[in-house]
Amino acid sequence: MKKTFNKGILLMIVSAFLTANGQLFWKFSQTNNKLINITIGFLLYGFGALFMIFAFKNGELSVLYPLMCISYVFALINGYIFLGETISIYNLIGILIIILGVTLLGKENKV
């Protein structure tokens, strides 16, 4: 059962990554190649939803769904790398709190 639970966590993290990157492409669509970026964004977002569905087969909703908060971490990194956004000390503190919370939820042995 533990192996299955870890699979659910991994799938949910991949879902968060795909979702954050889908949103990044939607942001790109505001400046260039609108249709292609919107399409890529929808595809990534859709695959993120599929990974979430597969994740839910391997764990409890109350444990796995909060892991989607990791998408905030991916969005912050994407904004910094691809959009030239700044990262403040408050952003870093928030990210650390999110990572701590996700870690504590992931250690929960409800499944």
N, C-alpha and C. Protein backbone atom coordinates (compact mmCIF):
# COMPACT_ATOMS: atom_id res chain seq x y z
N MET A 1 0.82 -1.20 0.00
CA MET A 1 0.00 0.00 0.00
C MET A 1 0.86 1.26 0.00
N LYS A 2 2.00 1.23 0.68
CA LYS A 2 2.89 2.39 0.73
C LYS A 2 3.39 2.76 -0.67
N LYS A 3 3.76 1.75 -1.49
CA LYS A 3 4.23 2.01 -2.84
C LYS A 3 3.14 2.70 -3.65
N THR A 4 1.91 2.26 -3.50
CA THR A 4 0.79 2.85 -4.21
C THR A 4 0.60 4.30 -3.77
N PHE A 5 0.72 4.56 -2.47
CA PHE A 5 0.56 5.91 -1.95
C PHE A 5 1.62 6.83 -2.53
N ASN A 6 2.87 6.38 -2.58
CA ASN A 6 3.94 7.19 -3.16
C ASN A 6 3.68 7.47 -4.64
N LYS A 7 3.10 6.51 -5.34
CA LYS A 7 2.75 6.71 -6.74
C LYS A 7 1.72 7.83 -6.87
N GLY A 8 0.74 7.86 -5.98
CA GLY A 8 -0.26 8.92 -6.00
C GLY A 8 0.36 10.29 -5.76
N ILE A 9 1.30 10.37 -4.85
CA ILE A 9 2.00 11.63 -4.57
C ILE A 9 2.78 12.08 -5.79
N LEU A 10 3.52 11.17 -6.39
CA LEU A 10 4.30 11.51 -7.57
C LEU A 10 3.41 11.98 -8.71
N LEU A 11 2.31 11.29 -8.95
CA LEU A 11 1.39 11.68 -10.01
C LEU A 11 0.79 13.06 -9.74
N MET A 12 0.51 13.37 -8.48
CA MET A 12 -0.05 14.67 -8.15
C MET A 12 0.97 15.78 -8.34
N ILE A 13 2.23 15.52 -8.05
CA ILE A 13 3.27 16.52 -8.28
C ILE A 13 3.45 16.76 -9.77
N VAL A 14 3.40 15.70 -10.57
CA VAL A 14 3.47 15.87 -12.03
C VAL A 14 2.27 16.67 -12.51
N SER A 15 1.10 16.41 -11.95
CA SER A 15 -0.10 17.17 -12.30
C SER A 15 0.09 18.66 -12.00
N ALA A 16 0.64 18.96 -10.85
CA ALA A 16 0.88 20.37 -10.47
C ALA A 16 1.87 21.02 -11.42
N PHE A 17 2.90 20.28 -11.81
CA PHE A 17 3.92 20.79 -12.74
C PHE A 17 3.29 21.11 -14.10
N LEU A 18 2.50 20.17 -14.61
CA LEU A 18 1.86 20.37 -15.92
C LEU A 18 0.87 21.53 -15.88
N THR A 19 0.12 21.63 -14.81
CA THR A 19 -0.85 22.71 -14.67
C THR A 19 -0.16 24.07 -14.64
N ALA A 20 0.91 24.18 -13.85
CA ALA A 20 1.64 25.45 -13.77
C ALA A 20 2.25 25.83 -15.12
N ASN A 21 2.75 24.84 -15.84
CA ASN A 21 3.33 25.13 -17.15
C ASN A 21 2.25 25.46 -18.18
N GLY A 22 1.08 24.86 -18.06
CA GLY A 22 -0.03 25.23 -18.93
C GLY A 22 -0.41 26.68 -18.73
N GLN A 23 -0.44 27.12 -17.50
CA GLN A 23 -0.75 28.52 -17.21
C GLN A 23 0.34 29.45 -17.72
N LEU A 24 1.58 29.00 -17.68
CA LEU A 24 2.68 29.80 -18.22
C LEU A 24 2.48 30.04 -19.72
N PHE A 25 2.07 29.00 -20.44
CA PHE A 25 1.83 29.17 -21.87
C PHE A 25 0.65 30.09 -22.13
N TRP A 26 -0.36 30.08 -21.26
CA TRP A 26 -1.45 31.04 -21.41
C TRP A 26 -0.92 32.45 -21.23
N LYS A 27 0.00 32.63 -20.31
CA LYS A 27 0.61 33.95 -20.13
C LYS A 27 1.40 34.35 -21.38
N PHE A 28 2.14 33.40 -21.94
CA PHE A 28 2.87 33.67 -23.18
C PHE A 28 1.94 34.10 -24.30
N SER A 29 0.72 33.57 -24.32
CA SER A 29 -0.22 33.86 -25.41
C SER A 29 -0.62 35.33 -25.44
N GLN A 30 -0.37 36.05 -24.38
CA GLN A 30 -0.72 37.47 -24.35
C GLN A 30 0.23 38.31 -25.20
N THR A 31 1.41 37.78 -25.48
CA THR A 31 2.40 38.58 -26.19
C THR A 31 2.74 38.06 -27.59
N ASN A 32 2.74 36.73 -27.78
CA ASN A 32 3.13 36.21 -29.10
C ASN A 32 2.52 34.85 -29.37
N ASN A 33 2.43 34.49 -30.65
CA ASN A 33 1.91 33.18 -31.08
C ASN A 33 0.68 32.77 -30.25
N LYS A 34 -0.29 33.61 -30.27
CA LYS A 34 -1.43 33.42 -29.38
C LYS A 34 -2.08 32.05 -29.48
N LEU A 35 -2.41 31.62 -30.68
CA LEU A 35 -3.14 30.37 -30.82
C LEU A 35 -2.29 29.17 -30.41
N ILE A 36 -1.04 29.13 -30.81
CA ILE A 36 -0.20 27.98 -30.47
C ILE A 36 0.04 27.91 -28.96
N ASN A 37 0.26 29.06 -28.33
CA ASN A 37 0.49 29.06 -26.89
C ASN A 37 -0.76 28.70 -26.10
N ILE A 38 -1.90 29.18 -26.56
CA ILE A 38 -3.16 28.80 -25.91
C ILE A 38 -3.38 27.30 -26.03
N THR A 39 -3.12 26.77 -27.23
CA THR A 39 -3.30 25.33 -27.46
C THR A 39 -2.37 24.51 -26.59
N ILE A 40 -1.10 24.88 -26.55
CA ILE A 40 -0.14 24.16 -25.70
C ILE A 40 -0.56 24.25 -24.24
N GLY A 41 -1.01 25.44 -23.83
CA GLY A 41 -1.47 25.62 -22.45
C GLY A 41 -2.63 24.70 -22.11
N PHE A 42 -3.61 24.61 -23.01
CA PHE A 42 -4.75 23.72 -22.77
C PHE A 42 -4.32 22.26 -22.73
N LEU A 43 -3.40 21.88 -23.62
CA LEU A 43 -2.92 20.49 -23.62
C LEU A 43 -2.21 20.15 -22.31
N LEU A 44 -1.33 21.03 -21.87
CA LEU A 44 -0.62 20.79 -20.61
C LEU A 44 -1.60 20.75 -19.43
N TYR A 45 -2.53 21.67 -19.43
CA TYR A 45 -3.52 21.72 -18.36
C TYR A 45 -4.38 20.45 -18.37
N GLY A 46 -4.76 20.01 -19.57
CA GLY A 46 -5.55 18.78 -19.69
C GLY A 46 -4.79 17.56 -19.23
N PHE A 47 -3.51 17.45 -19.62
CA PHE A 47 -2.71 16.33 -19.15
C PHE A 47 -2.53 16.39 -17.64
N GLY A 48 -2.42 17.61 -17.10
CA GLY A 48 -2.35 17.75 -15.65
C GLY A 48 -3.60 17.19 -14.98
N ALA A 49 -4.76 17.46 -15.57
CA ALA A 49 -6.01 16.93 -15.03
C ALA A 49 -6.04 15.40 -15.10
N LEU A 50 -5.53 14.84 -16.19
CA LEU A 50 -5.49 13.38 -16.31
C LEU A 50 -4.57 12.77 -15.25
N PHE A 51 -3.41 13.38 -15.04
CA PHE A 51 -2.50 12.87 -14.02
C PHE A 51 -3.16 12.95 -12.63
N MET A 52 -3.96 14.00 -12.41
CA MET A 52 -4.66 14.13 -11.13
C MET A 52 -5.66 13.00 -10.95
N ILE A 53 -6.38 12.67 -12.00
CA ILE A 53 -7.35 11.58 -11.93
C ILE A 53 -6.64 10.27 -11.61
N PHE A 54 -5.51 10.02 -12.28
CA PHE A 54 -4.75 8.80 -12.00
C PHE A 54 -4.21 8.80 -10.57
N ALA A 55 -3.82 9.97 -10.09
CA ALA A 55 -3.31 10.07 -8.72
C ALA A 55 -4.39 9.68 -7.71
N PHE A 56 -5.63 10.13 -7.97
CA PHE A 56 -6.71 9.85 -7.03
C PHE A 56 -7.02 8.37 -6.92
N LYS A 57 -6.64 7.59 -7.93
CA LYS A 57 -6.81 6.14 -7.84
C LYS A 57 -5.86 5.53 -6.83
N ASN A 58 -4.81 6.27 -6.46
CA ASN A 58 -3.75 5.74 -5.62
C ASN A 58 -3.66 6.40 -4.24
N GLY A 59 -4.72 7.03 -3.82
CA GLY A 59 -4.68 7.65 -2.50
C GLY A 59 -5.95 8.39 -2.19
N GLU A 60 -5.97 9.00 -1.02
CA GLU A 60 -7.14 9.71 -0.55
C GLU A 60 -7.15 11.15 -1.03
N LEU A 61 -8.30 11.63 -1.37
CA LEU A 61 -8.48 12.99 -1.84
C LEU A 61 -7.95 13.99 -0.81
N SER A 62 -8.24 13.76 0.46
CA SER A 62 -7.85 14.71 1.51
C SER A 62 -6.34 14.81 1.69
N VAL A 63 -5.61 13.82 1.25
CA VAL A 63 -4.15 13.84 1.33
C VAL A 63 -3.55 14.33 0.02
N LEU A 64 -4.06 13.84 -1.10
CA LEU A 64 -3.45 14.14 -2.40
C LEU A 64 -3.79 15.52 -2.94
N TYR A 65 -5.05 15.97 -2.81
CA TYR A 65 -5.41 17.23 -3.44
C TYR A 65 -4.63 18.43 -2.91
N PRO A 66 -4.37 18.52 -1.61
CA PRO A 66 -3.57 19.66 -1.14
C PRO A 66 -2.17 19.71 -1.74
N LEU A 67 -1.69 18.62 -2.29
CA LEU A 67 -0.38 18.62 -2.94
C LEU A 67 -0.36 19.50 -4.19
N MET A 68 -1.54 19.86 -4.70
CA MET A 68 -1.59 20.77 -5.85
C MET A 68 -1.01 22.14 -5.50
N CYS A 69 -0.88 22.43 -4.21
CA CYS A 69 -0.27 23.70 -3.80
C CYS A 69 1.17 23.82 -4.29
N ILE A 70 1.78 22.70 -4.60
CA ILE A 70 3.15 22.73 -5.12
C ILE A 70 3.18 23.46 -6.47
N SER A 71 2.03 23.60 -7.12
CA SER A 71 1.99 24.35 -8.38
C SER A 71 2.38 25.81 -8.16
N TYR A 72 2.16 26.34 -6.95
CA TYR A 72 2.60 27.70 -6.65
C TYR A 72 4.12 27.81 -6.71
N VAL A 73 4.79 26.77 -6.28
CA VAL A 73 6.26 26.75 -6.34
C VAL A 73 6.70 26.76 -7.80
N PHE A 74 6.09 25.91 -8.60
CA PHE A 74 6.44 25.85 -10.02
C PHE A 74 6.13 27.18 -10.72
N ALA A 75 5.01 27.81 -10.37
CA ALA A 75 4.64 29.09 -10.98
C ALA A 75 5.64 30.18 -10.61
N LEU A 76 6.10 30.18 -9.37
CA LEU A 76 7.09 31.17 -8.95
C LEU A 76 8.40 30.99 -9.71
N ILE A 77 8.82 29.75 -9.85
CA ILE A 77 10.06 29.46 -10.59
C ILE A 77 9.89 29.84 -12.06
N ASN A 78 8.76 29.48 -12.65
CA ASN A 78 8.49 29.84 -14.05
C ASN A 78 8.51 31.35 -14.25
N GLY A 79 7.88 32.08 -13.34
CA GLY A 79 7.85 33.52 -13.44
C GLY A 79 9.24 34.13 -13.38
N TYR A 80 10.07 33.58 -12.53
CA TYR A 80 11.44 34.07 -12.39
C TYR A 80 12.27 33.76 -13.64
N ILE A 81 12.21 32.51 -14.09
CA ILE A 81 13.06 32.07 -15.22
C ILE A 81 12.57 32.63 -16.55
N PHE A 82 11.29 32.53 -16.82
CA PHE A 82 10.78 32.83 -18.16
C PHE A 82 10.20 34.24 -18.32
N LEU A 83 9.79 34.86 -17.21
CA LEU A 83 9.13 36.16 -17.31
C LEU A 83 9.92 37.28 -16.65
N GLY A 84 11.05 36.93 -16.05
CA GLY A 84 11.89 37.94 -15.42
C GLY A 84 11.29 38.55 -14.17
N GLU A 85 10.39 37.84 -13.52
CA GLU A 85 9.78 38.35 -12.30
C GLU A 85 10.76 38.21 -11.14
N THR A 86 10.62 39.07 -10.16
CA THR A 86 11.50 39.01 -9.00
C THR A 86 10.90 38.11 -7.92
N ILE A 87 11.77 37.56 -7.11
CA ILE A 87 11.35 36.73 -5.99
C ILE A 87 11.77 37.45 -4.71
N SER A 88 10.78 37.80 -3.91
CA SER A 88 11.06 38.51 -2.66
C SER A 88 11.29 37.52 -1.52
N ILE A 89 11.73 38.05 -0.42
CA ILE A 89 11.92 37.22 0.77
C ILE A 89 10.57 36.65 1.23
N TYR A 90 9.49 37.41 1.02
CA TYR A 90 8.17 36.91 1.39
C TYR A 90 7.74 35.75 0.49
N ASN A 91 8.10 35.83 -0.78
CA ASN A 91 7.84 34.70 -1.68
C ASN A 91 8.57 33.45 -1.20
N LEU A 92 9.84 33.62 -0.84
CA LEU A 92 10.63 32.48 -0.37
C LEU A 92 10.08 31.89 0.92
N ILE A 93 9.67 32.74 1.84
CA ILE A 93 9.07 32.25 3.09
C ILE A 93 7.78 31.49 2.78
N GLY A 94 6.97 32.04 1.88
CA GLY A 94 5.74 31.36 1.49
C GLY A 94 6.00 30.01 0.86
N ILE A 95 7.01 29.94 0.00
CA ILE A 95 7.37 28.68 -0.64
C ILE A 95 7.83 27.66 0.40
N LEU A 96 8.63 28.11 1.35
CA LEU A 96 9.10 27.20 2.41
C LEU A 96 7.92 26.66 3.23
N ILE A 97 6.95 27.52 3.51
CA ILE A 97 5.77 27.07 4.25
C ILE A 97 4.98 26.06 3.42
N ILE A 98 4.82 26.33 2.13
CA ILE A 98 4.11 25.39 1.25
C ILE A 98 4.83 24.05 1.21
N ILE A 99 6.14 24.07 1.04
CA ILE A 99 6.91 22.83 0.97
C ILE A 99 6.81 22.06 2.29
N LEU A 100 6.87 22.78 3.40
CA LEU A 100 6.72 22.13 4.70
C LEU A 100 5.35 21.48 4.81
N GLY A 101 4.31 22.22 4.42
CA GLY A 101 2.96 21.67 4.48
C GLY A 101 2.77 20.46 3.58
N VAL A 102 3.30 20.53 2.37
CA VAL A 102 3.20 19.41 1.43
C VAL A 102 3.94 18.20 1.98
N THR A 103 5.10 18.44 2.57
CA THR A 103 5.89 17.35 3.15
C THR A 103 5.12 16.68 4.30
N LEU A 104 4.53 17.49 5.15
CA LEU A 104 3.77 16.92 6.27
C LEU A 104 2.55 16.14 5.78
N LEU A 105 1.88 16.66 4.77
CA LEU A 105 0.74 15.93 4.21
C LEU A 105 1.18 14.63 3.55
N GLY A 106 2.32 14.68 2.86
CA GLY A 106 2.83 13.49 2.18
C GLY A 106 3.24 12.40 3.15
N LYS A 107 3.62 12.79 4.35
CA LYS A 107 4.02 11.80 5.36
C LYS A 107 2.82 11.16 6.04
N GLU A 108 1.67 11.75 5.83
CA GLU A 108 0.45 11.22 6.41
C GLU A 108 0.21 9.81 5.87
N ASN A 109 -0.05 8.87 6.74
CA ASN A 109 -0.23 7.47 6.32
C ASN A 109 -1.69 7.07 6.38
N LYS A 110 -2.54 7.78 5.68
CA LYS A 110 -3.96 7.47 5.68
C LYS A 110 -4.32 6.38 4.69
N VAL A 111 -3.46 6.14 3.73
CA VAL A 111 -3.80 5.20 2.66
C VAL A 111 -3.26 3.84 2.97
